[in-house]
Structure formats: structure tokens, C-alpha cells
PDB file of all heavy atoms in Angstrom:
ATOM      1  N   ASN A   1      63.723  95.463  23.879  1.00  0.00           N
ATOM      2  CA  ASN A   1      63.229  96.492  24.802  1.00  0.00           C
ATOM      3  C   ASN A   1      64.273  97.610  24.877  1.00  0.00           C
ATOM      4  O   ASN A   1      65.172  97.586  25.712  1.00  0.00           O
ATOM      5  CB  ASN A   1      62.976  95.897  26.191  1.00  0.00           C
ATOM      6  CG  ASN A   1      62.250  96.875  27.094  1.00  0.00           C
ATOM      7  OD1 ASN A   1      62.425  98.096  27.002  1.00  0.00           O
ATOM      8  ND2 ASN A   1      61.420  96.349  27.976  1.00  0.00           N
ATOM      9  N   TYR A   2      64.131  98.586  23.996  1.00  0.00           N
ATOM     10  CA  TYR A   2      65.131  99.659  23.926  1.00  0.00           C
ATOM     11  C   TYR A   2      65.022 100.627  25.092  1.00  0.00           C
ATOM     12  O   TYR A   2      65.998 101.313  25.405  1.00  0.00           O
ATOM     13  CB  TYR A   2      65.046 100.369  22.577  1.00  0.00           C
ATOM     14  CG  TYR A   2      65.653  99.523  21.485  1.00  0.00           C
ATOM     15  CD1 TYR A   2      64.874  98.634  20.745  1.00  0.00           C
ATOM     16  CD2 TYR A   2      67.017  99.557  21.239  1.00  0.00           C
ATOM     17  CE1 TYR A   2      65.438  97.816  19.777  1.00  0.00           C
ATOM     18  CE2 TYR A   2      67.589  98.746  20.278  1.00  0.00           C
ATOM     19  CZ  TYR A   2      66.796  97.879  19.553  1.00  0.00           C
ATOM     20  OH  TYR A   2      67.374  97.064  18.613  1.00  0.00           O
ATOM     21  N   ASP A   3      63.885 100.671  25.760  1.00  0.00           N
ATOM     22  CA  ASP A   3      63.794 101.483  26.977  1.00  0.00           C
ATOM     23  C   ASP A   3      64.806 100.984  28.004  1.00  0.00           C
ATOM     24  O   ASP A   3      65.514 101.779  28.640  1.00  0.00           O
ATOM     25  CB  ASP A   3      62.383 101.417  27.572  1.00  0.00           C
ATOM     26  CG  ASP A   3      61.377 102.267  26.806  1.00  0.00           C
ATOM     27  OD1 ASP A   3      61.808 103.100  25.981  1.00  0.00           O
ATOM     28  OD2 ASP A   3      60.163 102.095  27.037  1.00  0.00           O
ATOM     29  N   LYS A   4      64.870  99.673  28.167  1.00  0.00           N
ATOM     30  CA  LYS A   4      65.801  99.090  29.141  1.00  0.00           C
ATOM     31  C   LYS A   4      67.249  99.233  28.677  1.00  0.00           C
ATOM     32  O   LYS A   4      68.150  99.421  29.502  1.00  0.00           O
ATOM     33  CB  LYS A   4      65.450  97.627  29.396  1.00  0.00           C
ATOM     34  CG  LYS A   4      64.143  97.449  30.151  1.00  0.00           C
ATOM     35  CD  LYS A   4      63.890  95.998  30.516  1.00  0.00           C
ATOM     36  CE  LYS A   4      62.617  95.859  31.342  1.00  0.00           C
ATOM     37  NZ  LYS A   4      62.344  94.448  31.726  1.00  0.00           N
ATOM     38  N   ILE A   5      67.476  99.156  27.371  1.00  0.00           N
ATOM     39  CA  ILE A   5      68.836  99.319  26.849  1.00  0.00           C
ATOM     40  C   ILE A   5      69.335 100.739  27.103  1.00  0.00           C
ATOM     41  O   ILE A   5      70.449 100.940  27.601  1.00  0.00           O
ATOM     42  CB  ILE A   5      68.875  98.971  25.344  1.00  0.00           C
ATOM     43  CG1 ILE A   5      68.625  97.472  25.147  1.00  0.00           C
ATOM     44  CG2 ILE A   5      70.217  99.372  24.727  1.00  0.00           C
ATOM     45  CD1 ILE A   5      68.395  97.058  23.713  1.00  0.00           C
ATOM     46  N   PHE A   6      68.510 101.727  26.781  1.00  0.00           N
ATOM     47  CA  PHE A   6      68.919 103.119  27.006  1.00  0.00           C
ATOM     48  C   PHE A   6      69.018 103.437  28.498  1.00  0.00           C
ATOM     49  O   PHE A   6      69.858 104.247  28.911  1.00  0.00           O
ATOM     50  CB  PHE A   6      67.973 104.077  26.293  1.00  0.00           C
ATOM     51  CG  PHE A   6      68.229 104.200  24.818  1.00  0.00           C
ATOM     52  CD1 PHE A   6      67.347 103.666  23.885  1.00  0.00           C
ATOM     53  CD2 PHE A   6      69.374 104.837  24.347  1.00  0.00           C
ATOM     54  CE1 PHE A   6      67.587 103.771  22.514  1.00  0.00           C
ATOM     55  CE2 PHE A   6      69.631 104.946  22.978  1.00  0.00           C
ATOM     56  CZ  PHE A   6      68.739 104.410  22.070  1.00  0.00           C
ATOM     57  N   ALA A   7      68.177 102.786  29.316  1.00  0.00           N
ATOM     58  CA  ALA A   7      68.271 102.989  30.769  1.00  0.00           C
ATOM     59  C   ALA A   7      69.600 102.443  31.290  1.00  0.00           C
ATOM     60  O   ALA A   7      70.242 103.076  32.157  1.00  0.00           O
ATOM     61  CB  ALA A   7      67.101 102.303  31.470  1.00  0.00           C
ATOM     62  N   ALA A   8      70.023 101.292  30.778  1.00  0.00           N
ATOM     63  CA  ALA A   8      71.314 100.722  31.185  1.00  0.00           C
ATOM     64  C   ALA A   8      72.454 101.660  30.792  1.00  0.00           C
ATOM     65  O   ALA A   8      73.401 101.876  31.564  1.00  0.00           O
ATOM     66  CB  ALA A   8      71.503  99.351  30.543  1.00  0.00           C
ATOM     67  N   ILE A   9      72.361 102.235  29.604  1.00  0.00           N
ATOM     68  CA  ILE A   9      73.379 103.181  29.140  1.00  0.00           C
ATOM     69  C   ILE A   9      73.407 104.425  30.024  1.00  0.00           C
ATOM     70  O   ILE A   9      74.478 104.889  30.435  1.00  0.00           O
ATOM     71  CB  ILE A   9      73.116 103.559  27.666  1.00  0.00           C
ATOM     72  CG1 ILE A   9      73.427 102.368  26.757  1.00  0.00           C
ATOM     73  CG2 ILE A   9      73.932 104.786  27.255  1.00  0.00           C
ATOM     74  CD1 ILE A   9      72.980 102.553  25.329  1.00  0.00           C
ATOM     75  N   ASP A  10      72.235 104.960  30.328  1.00  0.00           N
ATOM     76  CA  ASP A  10      72.171 106.163  31.165  1.00  0.00           C
ATOM     77  C   ASP A  10      72.741 105.918  32.553  1.00  0.00           C
ATOM     78  O   ASP A  10      73.357 106.818  33.153  1.00  0.00           O
ATOM     79  CB  ASP A  10      70.718 106.645  31.277  1.00  0.00           C
ATOM     80  CG  ASP A  10      70.216 107.299  29.992  1.00  0.00           C
ATOM     81  OD1 ASP A  10      71.064 107.666  29.149  1.00  0.00           O
ATOM     82  OD2 ASP A  10      68.991 107.432  29.822  1.00  0.00           O
ATOM     83  N   SER A  11      72.559 104.695  33.059  1.00  0.00           N
ATOM     84  CA  SER A  11      73.061 104.385  34.400  1.00  0.00           C
ATOM     85  C   SER A  11      74.585 104.377  34.459  1.00  0.00           C
ATOM     86  O   SER A  11      75.166 104.502  35.543  1.00  0.00           O
ATOM     87  CB  SER A  11      72.519 103.029  34.866  1.00  0.00           C
ATOM     88  OG  SER A  11      73.152 101.949  34.192  1.00  0.00           O
ATOM     89  N   LYS A  12      75.234 104.238  33.291  1.00  0.00           N
ATOM     90  CA  LYS A  12      76.706 104.216  33.242  1.00  0.00           C
ATOM     91  C   LYS A  12      77.265 105.365  32.402  1.00  0.00           C
ATOM     92  O   LYS A  12      78.406 105.317  31.940  1.00  0.00           O
ATOM     93  CB  LYS A  12      77.183 102.876  32.661  1.00  0.00           C
ATOM     94  CG  LYS A  12      76.839 101.661  33.524  1.00  0.00           C
ATOM     95  CD  LYS A  12      77.544 101.713  34.863  1.00  0.00           C
ATOM     96  CE  LYS A  12      77.242 100.483  35.710  1.00  0.00           C
ATOM     97  NZ  LYS A  12      77.941  99.286  35.229  1.00  0.00           N
ATOM     98  N   LYS A  13      76.446 106.391  32.213  1.00  0.00           N
ATOM     99  CA  LYS A  13      76.843 107.508  31.352  1.00  0.00           C
ATOM    100  C   LYS A  13      78.120 108.180  31.840  1.00  0.00           C
ATOM    101  O   LYS A  13      78.919 108.691  31.037  1.00  0.00           O
ATOM    102  CB  LYS A  13      75.700 108.519  31.268  1.00  0.00           C
ATOM    103  CG  LYS A  13      75.841 109.547  30.170  1.00  0.00           C
ATOM    104  CD  LYS A  13      74.576 110.386  30.041  1.00  0.00           C
ATOM    105  CE  LYS A  13      74.701 111.412  28.926  1.00  0.00           C
ATOM    106  NZ  LYS A  13      73.456 112.215  28.772  1.00  0.00           N
ATOM    107  N   HIS A  14      78.342 108.170  33.146  1.00  0.00           N
ATOM    108  CA  HIS A  14      79.525 108.824  33.721  1.00  0.00           C
ATOM    109  C   HIS A  14      80.828 108.153  33.301  1.00  0.00           C
ATOM    110  O   HIS A  14      81.903 108.759  33.404  1.00  0.00           O
ATOM    111  CB  HIS A  14      79.422 108.837  35.247  1.00  0.00           C
ATOM    112  CG  HIS A  14      79.367 107.459  35.854  1.00  0.00           C
ATOM    113  ND1 HIS A  14      78.223 106.695  35.858  1.00  0.00           N
ATOM    114  CD2 HIS A  14      80.329 106.720  36.472  1.00  0.00           C
ATOM    115  CE1 HIS A  14      78.469 105.536  36.457  1.00  0.00           C
ATOM    116  NE2 HIS A  14      79.731 105.523  36.833  1.00  0.00           N
ATOM    117  N   LEU A  15      80.728 106.922  32.797  1.00  0.00           N
ATOM    118  CA  LEU A  15      81.939 106.200  32.378  1.00  0.00           C
ATOM    119  C   LEU A  15      82.361 106.540  30.945  1.00  0.00           C
ATOM    120  O   LEU A  15      83.484 106.249  30.548  1.00  0.00           O
ATOM    121  CB  LEU A  15      81.712 104.684  32.473  1.00  0.00           C
ATOM    122  CG  LEU A  15      81.482 104.094  33.863  1.00  0.00           C
ATOM    123  CD1 LEU A  15      81.192 102.594  33.755  1.00  0.00           C
ATOM    124  CD2 LEU A  15      82.688 104.337  34.756  1.00  0.00           C
ATOM    125  N   PHE A  16      81.462 107.157  30.187  1.00  0.00           N
ATOM    126  CA  PHE A  16      81.714 107.350  28.755  1.00  0.00           C
ATOM    127  C   PHE A  16      82.655 108.521  28.491  1.00  0.00           C
ATOM    128  O   PHE A  16      82.428 109.642  28.951  1.00  0.00           O
ATOM    129  CB  PHE A  16      80.384 107.595  28.032  1.00  0.00           C
ATOM    130  CG  PHE A  16      80.532 107.709  26.529  1.00  0.00           C
ATOM    131  CD1 PHE A  16      80.759 106.590  25.752  1.00  0.00           C
ATOM    132  CD2 PHE A  16      80.454 108.954  25.904  1.00  0.00           C
ATOM    133  CE1 PHE A  16      80.899 106.694  24.370  1.00  0.00           C
ATOM    134  CE2 PHE A  16      80.582 109.062  24.531  1.00  0.00           C
ATOM    135  CZ  PHE A  16      80.813 107.927  23.760  1.00  0.00           C
ATOM    136  N   THR A  17      83.709 108.224  27.726  1.00  0.00           N
ATOM    137  CA  THR A  17      84.648 109.258  27.300  1.00  0.00           C
ATOM    138  C   THR A  17      84.740 109.230  25.778  1.00  0.00           C
ATOM    139  O   THR A  17      85.255 108.261  25.205  1.00  0.00           O
ATOM    140  CB  THR A  17      86.049 109.031  27.891  1.00  0.00           C
ATOM    141  OG1 THR A  17      85.955 108.992  29.318  1.00  0.00           O
ATOM    142  CG2 THR A  17      86.999 110.141  27.476  1.00  0.00           C
ATOM    143  N   PRO A  18      84.233 110.252  25.088  1.00  0.00           N
ATOM    144  CA  PRO A  18      84.262 110.241  23.618  1.00  0.00           C
ATOM    145  C   PRO A  18      85.674 110.355  23.064  1.00  0.00           C
ATOM    146  O   PRO A  18      86.525 111.031  23.647  1.00  0.00           O
ATOM    147  CB  PRO A  18      83.423 111.467  23.245  1.00  0.00           C
ATOM    148  CG  PRO A  18      83.505 112.361  24.435  1.00  0.00           C
ATOM    149  CD  PRO A  18      83.606 111.464  25.627  1.00  0.00           C
ATOM    150  N   LYS A  19      85.896 109.681  21.932  1.00  0.00           N
ATOM    151  CA  LYS A  19      87.203 109.697  21.279  1.00  0.00           C
ATOM    152  C   LYS A  19      87.257 110.676  20.117  1.00  0.00           C
ATOM    153  O   LYS A  19      88.341 110.969  19.610  1.00  0.00           O
ATOM    154  CB  LYS A  19      87.543 108.291  20.748  1.00  0.00           C
ATOM    155  CG  LYS A  19      87.831 107.261  21.824  1.00  0.00           C
ATOM    156  CD  LYS A  19      87.954 105.857  21.230  1.00  0.00           C
ATOM    157  CE  LYS A  19      89.034 105.755  20.176  1.00  0.00           C
ATOM    158  NZ  LYS A  19      89.167 104.360  19.661  1.00  0.00           N
ATOM    159  N   ASN A  20      86.092 111.140  19.652  1.00  0.00           N
ATOM    160  CA  ASN A  20      86.054 112.003  18.469  1.00  0.00           C
ATOM    161  C   ASN A  20      84.783 112.844  18.504  1.00  0.00           C
ATOM    162  O   ASN A  20      83.960 112.724  19.423  1.00  0.00           O
ATOM    163  CB  ASN A  20      86.141 111.161  17.188  1.00  0.00           C
ATOM    164  CG  ASN A  20      85.095 110.038  17.174  1.00  0.00           C
ATOM    165  OD1 ASN A  20      83.957 110.233  17.595  1.00  0.00           O
ATOM    166  ND2 ASN A  20      85.488 108.865  16.699  1.00  0.00           N
ATOM    167  N   ASP A  21      84.599 113.668  17.493  1.00  0.00           N
ATOM    168  CA  ASP A  21      83.473 114.600  17.480  1.00  0.00           C
ATOM    169  C   ASP A  21      82.120 113.899  17.380  1.00  0.00           C
ATOM    170  O   ASP A  21      81.142 114.339  17.998  1.00  0.00           O
ATOM    171  CB  ASP A  21      83.623 115.592  16.324  1.00  0.00           C
ATOM    172  CG  ASP A  21      84.737 116.603  16.568  1.00  0.00           C
ATOM    173  OD1 ASP A  21      85.149 116.748  17.743  1.00  0.00           O
ATOM    174  OD2 ASP A  21      85.197 117.235  15.592  1.00  0.00           O
ATOM    175  N   ILE A  22      82.038 112.829  16.597  1.00  0.00           N
ATOM    176  CA  ILE A  22      80.744 112.162  16.443  1.00  0.00           C
ATOM    177  C   ILE A  22      80.340 111.462  17.743  1.00  0.00           C
ATOM    178  O   ILE A  22      79.175 111.507  18.154  1.00  0.00           O
ATOM    179  CB  ILE A  22      80.734 111.188  15.238  1.00  0.00           C
ATOM    180  CG1 ILE A  22      79.302 110.709  14.955  1.00  0.00           C
ATOM    181  CG2 ILE A  22      81.683 110.017  15.424  1.00  0.00           C
ATOM    182  CD1 ILE A  22      79.152 109.971  13.639  1.00  0.00           C
ATOM    183  N   GLN A  23      81.301 110.860  18.431  1.00  0.00           N
ATOM    184  CA  GLN A  23      80.994 110.274  19.731  1.00  0.00           C
ATOM    185  C   GLN A  23      80.616 111.364  20.736  1.00  0.00           C
ATOM    186  O   GLN A  23      79.723 111.181  21.572  1.00  0.00           O
ATOM    187  CB  GLN A  23      82.189 109.472  20.250  1.00  0.00           C
ATOM    188  CG  GLN A  23      82.470 108.192  19.466  1.00  0.00           C
ATOM    189  CD  GLN A  23      83.615 107.388  20.053  1.00  0.00           C
ATOM    190  OE1 GLN A  23      84.040 107.601  21.182  1.00  0.00           O
ATOM    191  NE2 GLN A  23      84.130 106.433  19.281  1.00  0.00           N
ATOM    192  N   LYS A  24      81.271 112.513  20.633  1.00  0.00           N
ATOM    193  CA  LYS A  24      80.971 113.639  21.524  1.00  0.00           C
ATOM    194  C   LYS A  24      79.539 114.124  21.305  1.00  0.00           C
ATOM    195  O   LYS A  24      78.851 114.527  22.258  1.00  0.00           O
ATOM    196  CB  LYS A  24      81.966 114.771  21.267  1.00  0.00           C
ATOM    197  CG  LYS A  24      81.931 115.892  22.310  1.00  0.00           C
ATOM    198  CD  LYS A  24      82.966 116.974  21.981  1.00  0.00           C
ATOM    199  CE  LYS A  24      84.393 116.408  21.994  1.00  0.00           C
ATOM    200  NZ  LYS A  24      85.399 117.465  21.702  1.00  0.00           N
ATOM    201  N   ALA A  25      79.079 114.100  20.051  1.00  0.00           N
ATOM    202  CA  ALA A  25      77.715 114.553  19.756  1.00  0.00           C
ATOM    203  C   ALA A  25      76.675 113.674  20.453  1.00  0.00           C
ATOM    204  O   ALA A  25      75.632 114.171  20.891  1.00  0.00           O
ATOM    205  CB  ALA A  25      77.475 114.550  18.251  1.00  0.00           C
ATOM    206  N   TYR A  26      76.968 112.381  20.565  1.00  0.00           N
ATOM    207  CA  TYR A  26      76.040 111.471  21.256  1.00  0.00           C
ATOM    208  C   TYR A  26      76.197 111.577  22.767  1.00  0.00           C
ATOM    209  O   TYR A  26      75.211 111.494  23.506  1.00  0.00           O
ATOM    210  CB  TYR A  26      76.252 110.035  20.781  1.00  0.00           C
ATOM    211  CG  TYR A  26      75.646 109.777  19.419  1.00  0.00           C
ATOM    212  CD1 TYR A  26      76.370 110.018  18.260  1.00  0.00           C
ATOM    213  CD2 TYR A  26      74.339 109.325  19.289  1.00  0.00           C
ATOM    214  CE1 TYR A  26      75.816 109.810  17.004  1.00  0.00           C
ATOM    215  CE2 TYR A  26      73.769 109.113  18.045  1.00  0.00           C
ATOM    216  CZ  TYR A  26      74.508 109.360  16.911  1.00  0.00           C
ATOM    217  OH  TYR A  26      73.947 109.169  15.677  1.00  0.00           O
ATOM    218  N   GLY A  27      77.411 111.712  23.243  1.00  0.00           N
ATOM    219  CA  GLY A  27      77.655 111.915  24.667  1.00  0.00           C
ATOM    220  C   GLY A  27      77.376 110.709  25.541  1.00  0.00           C
ATOM    221  O   GLY A  27      77.230 110.841  26.763  1.00  0.00           O
ATOM    222  N   ARG A  28      77.288 109.551  24.945  1.00  0.00           N
ATOM    223  CA  ARG A  28      77.007 108.305  25.676  1.00  0.00           C
ATOM    224  C   ARG A  28      77.326 107.128  24.756  1.00  0.00           C
ATOM    225  O   ARG A  28      77.654 107.315  23.578  1.00  0.00           O
ATOM    226  CB  ARG A  28      75.529 108.244  26.088  1.00  0.00           C
ATOM    227  CG  ARG A  28      74.594 108.418  24.911  1.00  0.00           C
ATOM    228  CD  ARG A  28      73.175 107.980  25.185  1.00  0.00           C
ATOM    229  NE  ARG A  28      72.269 108.354  24.101  1.00  0.00           N
ATOM    230  CZ  ARG A  28      72.179 107.732  22.925  1.00  0.00           C
ATOM    231  NH1 ARG A  28      72.974 106.695  22.659  1.00  0.00           N
ATOM    232  NH2 ARG A  28      71.328 108.147  22.009  1.00  0.00           N
ATOM    233  N   VAL A  29      77.213 105.929  25.308  1.00  0.00           N
ATOM    234  CA  VAL A  29      77.359 104.725  24.491  1.00  0.00           C
ATOM    235  C   VAL A  29      76.280 104.728  23.404  1.00  0.00           C
ATOM    236  O   VAL A  29      75.120 105.068  23.656  1.00  0.00           O
ATOM    237  CB  VAL A  29      77.236 103.457  25.369  1.00  0.00           C
ATOM    238  CG1 VAL A  29      77.204 102.204  24.508  1.00  0.00           C
ATOM    239  CG2 VAL A  29      78.390 103.388  26.364  1.00  0.00           C
ATOM    240  N   ILE A  30      76.663 104.363  22.196  1.00  0.00           N
ATOM    241  CA  ILE A  30      75.774 104.414  21.032  1.00  0.00           C
ATOM    242  C   ILE A  30      75.117 103.049  20.820  1.00  0.00           C
ATOM    243  O   ILE A  30      75.742 102.007  21.022  1.00  0.00           O
ATOM    244  CB  ILE A  30      76.575 104.847  19.786  1.00  0.00           C
ATOM    245  CG1 ILE A  30      77.037 106.309  19.974  1.00  0.00           C
ATOM    246  CG2 ILE A  30      75.751 104.704  18.508  1.00  0.00           C
ATOM    247  CD1 ILE A  30      78.148 106.724  19.047  1.00  0.00           C
ATOM    248  N   VAL A  31      73.857 103.060  20.400  1.00  0.00           N
ATOM    249  CA  VAL A  31      73.106 101.819  20.178  1.00  0.00           C
ATOM    250  C   VAL A  31      72.971 101.561  18.677  1.00  0.00           C
ATOM    251  O   VAL A  31      72.389 102.366  17.944  1.00  0.00           O
ATOM    252  CB  VAL A  31      71.708 101.882  20.822  1.00  0.00           C
ATOM    253  CG1 VAL A  31      70.951 100.575  20.575  1.00  0.00           C
ATOM    254  CG2 VAL A  31      71.826 102.145  22.319  1.00  0.00           C
ATOM    255  N   LEU A  32      73.528 100.448  18.258  1.00  0.00           N
ATOM    256  CA  LEU A  32      73.455  99.988  16.867  1.00  0.00           C
ATOM    257  C   LEU A  32      72.640  98.701  16.847  1.00  0.00           C
ATOM    258  O   LEU A  32      73.095  97.665  17.335  1.00  0.00           O
ATOM    259  CB  LEU A  32      74.865  99.743  16.314  1.00  0.00           C
ATOM    260  CG  LEU A  32      74.990  98.918  15.029  1.00  0.00           C
ATOM    261  CD1 LEU A  32      74.226  99.545  13.871  1.00  0.00           C
ATOM    262  CD2 LEU A  32      76.475  98.737  14.662  1.00  0.00           C
ATOM    263  N   ALA A  33      71.437  98.746  16.314  1.00  0.00           N
ATOM    264  CA  ALA A  33      70.555  97.579  16.314  1.00  0.00           C
ATOM    265  C   ALA A  33      70.878  96.649  15.155  1.00  0.00           C
ATOM    266  O   ALA A  33      70.942  97.079  14.001  1.00  0.00           O
ATOM    267  CB  ALA A  33      69.098  98.020  16.218  1.00  0.00           C
ATOM    268  N   ASP A  34      71.073  95.363  15.483  1.00  0.00           N
ATOM    269  CA  ASP A  34      71.110  94.337  14.451  1.00  0.00           C
ATOM    270  C   ASP A  34      69.662  93.927  14.206  1.00  0.00           C
ATOM    271  O   ASP A  34      69.114  93.060  14.889  1.00  0.00           O
ATOM    272  CB  ASP A  34      71.950  93.144  14.899  1.00  0.00           C
ATOM    273  CG  ASP A  34      72.013  92.053  13.831  1.00  0.00           C
ATOM    274  OD1 ASP A  34      71.253  92.127  12.856  1.00  0.00           O
ATOM    275  OD2 ASP A  34      72.820  91.108  13.994  1.00  0.00           O
ATOM    276  N   ALA A  35      69.048  94.594  13.242  1.00  0.00           N
ATOM    277  CA  ALA A  35      67.650  94.330  12.890  1.00  0.00           C
ATOM    278  C   ALA A  35      67.586  93.576  11.566  1.00  0.00           C
ATOM    279  O   ALA A  35      66.682  93.797  10.757  1.00  0.00           O
ATOM    280  CB  ALA A  35      66.869  95.639  12.807  1.00  0.00           C
ATOM    281  N   ALA A  36      68.546  92.685  11.358  1.00  0.00           N
ATOM    282  CA  ALA A  36      68.589  91.893  10.125  1.00  0.00           C
ATOM    283  C   ALA A  36      67.250  91.218   9.857  1.00  0.00           C
ATOM    284  O   ALA A  36      66.827  91.084   8.700  1.00  0.00           O
ATOM    285  CB  ALA A  36      69.701  90.846  10.217  1.00  0.00           C
ATOM    286  N   HIS A  37      66.552  90.809  10.934  1.00  0.00           N
ATOM    287  CA  HIS A  37      65.280  90.092  10.807  1.00  0.00           C
ATOM    288  C   HIS A  37      64.062  91.007  10.839  1.00  0.00           C
ATOM    289  O   HIS A  37      62.946  90.534  10.590  1.00  0.00           O
ATOM    290  CB  HIS A  37      65.122  89.106  11.975  1.00  0.00           C
ATOM    291  CG  HIS A  37      66.139  88.038  12.044  1.00  0.00           C
ATOM    292  ND1 HIS A  37      66.251  87.174  13.116  1.00  0.00           N
ATOM    293  CD2 HIS A  37      67.112  87.658  11.183  1.00  0.00           C
ATOM    294  CE1 HIS A  37      67.244  86.323  12.919  1.00  0.00           C
ATOM    295  NE2 HIS A  37      67.790  86.615  11.755  1.00  0.00           N
ATOM    296  N   ALA A  38      64.231  92.272  11.185  1.00  0.00           N
ATOM    297  CA  ALA A  38      63.100  93.056  11.700  1.00  0.00           C
ATOM    298  C   ALA A  38      62.612  94.185  10.800  1.00  0.00           C
ATOM    299  O   ALA A  38      61.944  95.103  11.278  1.00  0.00           O
ATOM    300  CB  ALA A  38      63.461  93.605  13.078  1.00  0.00           C
ATOM    301  N   PHE A  39      62.898  94.162   9.530  1.00  0.00           N
ATOM    302  CA  PHE A  39      62.418  95.221   8.647  1.00  0.00           C
ATOM    303  C   PHE A  39      60.886  95.197   8.613  1.00  0.00           C
ATOM    304  O   PHE A  39      60.276  94.185   8.262  1.00  0.00           O
ATOM    305  CB  PHE A  39      62.980  95.050   7.232  1.00  0.00           C
ATOM    306  CG  PHE A  39      62.703  96.212   6.322  1.00  0.00           C
ATOM    307  CD1 PHE A  39      63.306  97.434   6.539  1.00  0.00           C
ATOM    308  CD2 PHE A  39      61.845  96.083   5.245  1.00  0.00           C
ATOM    309  CE1 PHE A  39      63.061  98.517   5.708  1.00  0.00           C
ATOM    310  CE2 PHE A  39      61.587  97.157   4.401  1.00  0.00           C
ATOM    311  CZ  PHE A  39      62.205  98.376   4.641  1.00  0.00           C
ATOM    312  N   GLY A  40      60.276  96.311   9.004  1.00  0.00           N
ATOM    313  CA  GLY A  40      58.821  96.393   9.046  1.00  0.00           C
ATOM    314  C   GLY A  40      58.223  96.184  10.418  1.00  0.00           C
ATOM    315  O   GLY A  40      57.014  96.331  10.592  1.00  0.00           O
ATOM    316  N   ALA A  41      59.067  95.839  11.405  1.00  0.00           N
ATOM    317  CA  ALA A  41      58.564  95.655  12.764  1.00  0.00           C
ATOM    318  C   ALA A  41      58.271  97.005  13.413  1.00  0.00           C
ATOM    319  O   ALA A  41      58.820  98.042  13.012  1.00  0.00           O
ATOM    320  CB  ALA A  41      59.581  94.880  13.599  1.00  0.00           C
ATOM    321  N   GLN A  42      57.415  96.990  14.433  1.00  0.00           N
ATOM    322  CA  GLN A  42      57.051  98.202  15.161  1.00  0.00           C
ATOM    323  C   GLN A  42      57.157  97.954  16.664  1.00  0.00           C
ATOM    324  O   GLN A  42      56.969  96.833  17.132  1.00  0.00           O
ATOM    325  CB  GLN A  42      55.621  98.630  14.822  1.00  0.00           C
ATOM    326  CG  GLN A  42      55.397  98.943  13.352  1.00  0.00           C
ATOM    327  CD  GLN A  42      53.952  99.293  13.059  1.00  0.00           C
ATOM    328  OE1 GLN A  42      53.301 100.006  13.821  1.00  0.00           O
ATOM    329  NE2 GLN A  42      53.440  98.786  11.951  1.00  0.00           N
ATOM    330  N   TRP A  43      57.437  99.023  17.401  1.00  0.00           N
ATOM    331  CA  TRP A  43      57.581  98.934  18.852  1.00  0.00           C
ATOM    332  C   TRP A  43      57.154 100.258  19.476  1.00  0.00           C
ATOM    333  O   TRP A  43      57.681 101.307  19.121  1.00  0.00           O
ATOM    334  CB  TRP A  43      59.038  98.611  19.197  1.00  0.00           C
ATOM    335  CG  TRP A  43      59.332  98.362  20.643  1.00  0.00           C
ATOM    336  CD1 TRP A  43      59.083  97.211  21.355  1.00  0.00           C
ATOM    337  CD2 TRP A  43      59.961  99.260  21.557  1.00  0.00           C
ATOM    338  NE1 TRP A  43      59.520  97.351  22.645  1.00  0.00           N
ATOM    339  CE2 TRP A  43      60.056  98.600  22.814  1.00  0.00           C
ATOM    340  CE3 TRP A  43      60.435 100.565  21.458  1.00  0.00           C
ATOM    341  CZ2 TRP A  43      60.619  99.198  23.931  1.00  0.00           C
ATOM    342  CZ3 TRP A  43      60.998 101.168  22.576  1.00  0.00           C
ATOM    343  CH2 TRP A  43      61.091 100.481  23.794  1.00  0.00           C
ATOM    344  N   HIS A  44      56.162 100.203  20.330  1.00  0.00           N
ATOM    345  CA  HIS A  44      55.652 101.404  21.010  1.00  0.00           C
ATOM    346  C   HIS A  44      55.296 102.509  20.005  1.00  0.00           C
ATOM    347  O   HIS A  44      55.582 103.692  20.231  1.00  0.00           O
ATOM    348  CB  HIS A  44      56.662 101.922  22.022  1.00  0.00           C
ATOM    349  CG  HIS A  44      56.815 101.036  23.219  1.00  0.00           C
ATOM    350  ND1 HIS A  44      57.403 101.440  24.384  1.00  0.00           N
ATOM    351  CD2 HIS A  44      56.462  99.737  23.439  1.00  0.00           C
ATOM    352  CE1 HIS A  44      57.400 100.449  25.266  1.00  0.00           C
ATOM    353  NE2 HIS A  44      56.832  99.407  24.708  1.00  0.00           N
TER     354      HIS A  44
END
């Protein structure tokens, strides 16, 4: 449920301090999905 994951991130966005330009571009905690099992899956 990535809606809930991004909501959790947004709720703590004030804590995020980027260390470099790529982190600054996102401006929040980044989500990296381990979808090792999920190639071809769909959601919403």
C-alpha cells in the first residue's frame, strides 16, 4: 500500500535533511521497492 507509505513519509517530511543534490531533488525520504517477486503486478 504505497499510499500509506508515502503518507507516513509526508507526516515526517520536516525531519528530512538532504545530503546531496539528488536527495534535494526528492525533498523527502525516498522509496525503493523490493519488487523481486512482483514483475507484472498492478496496483490502482
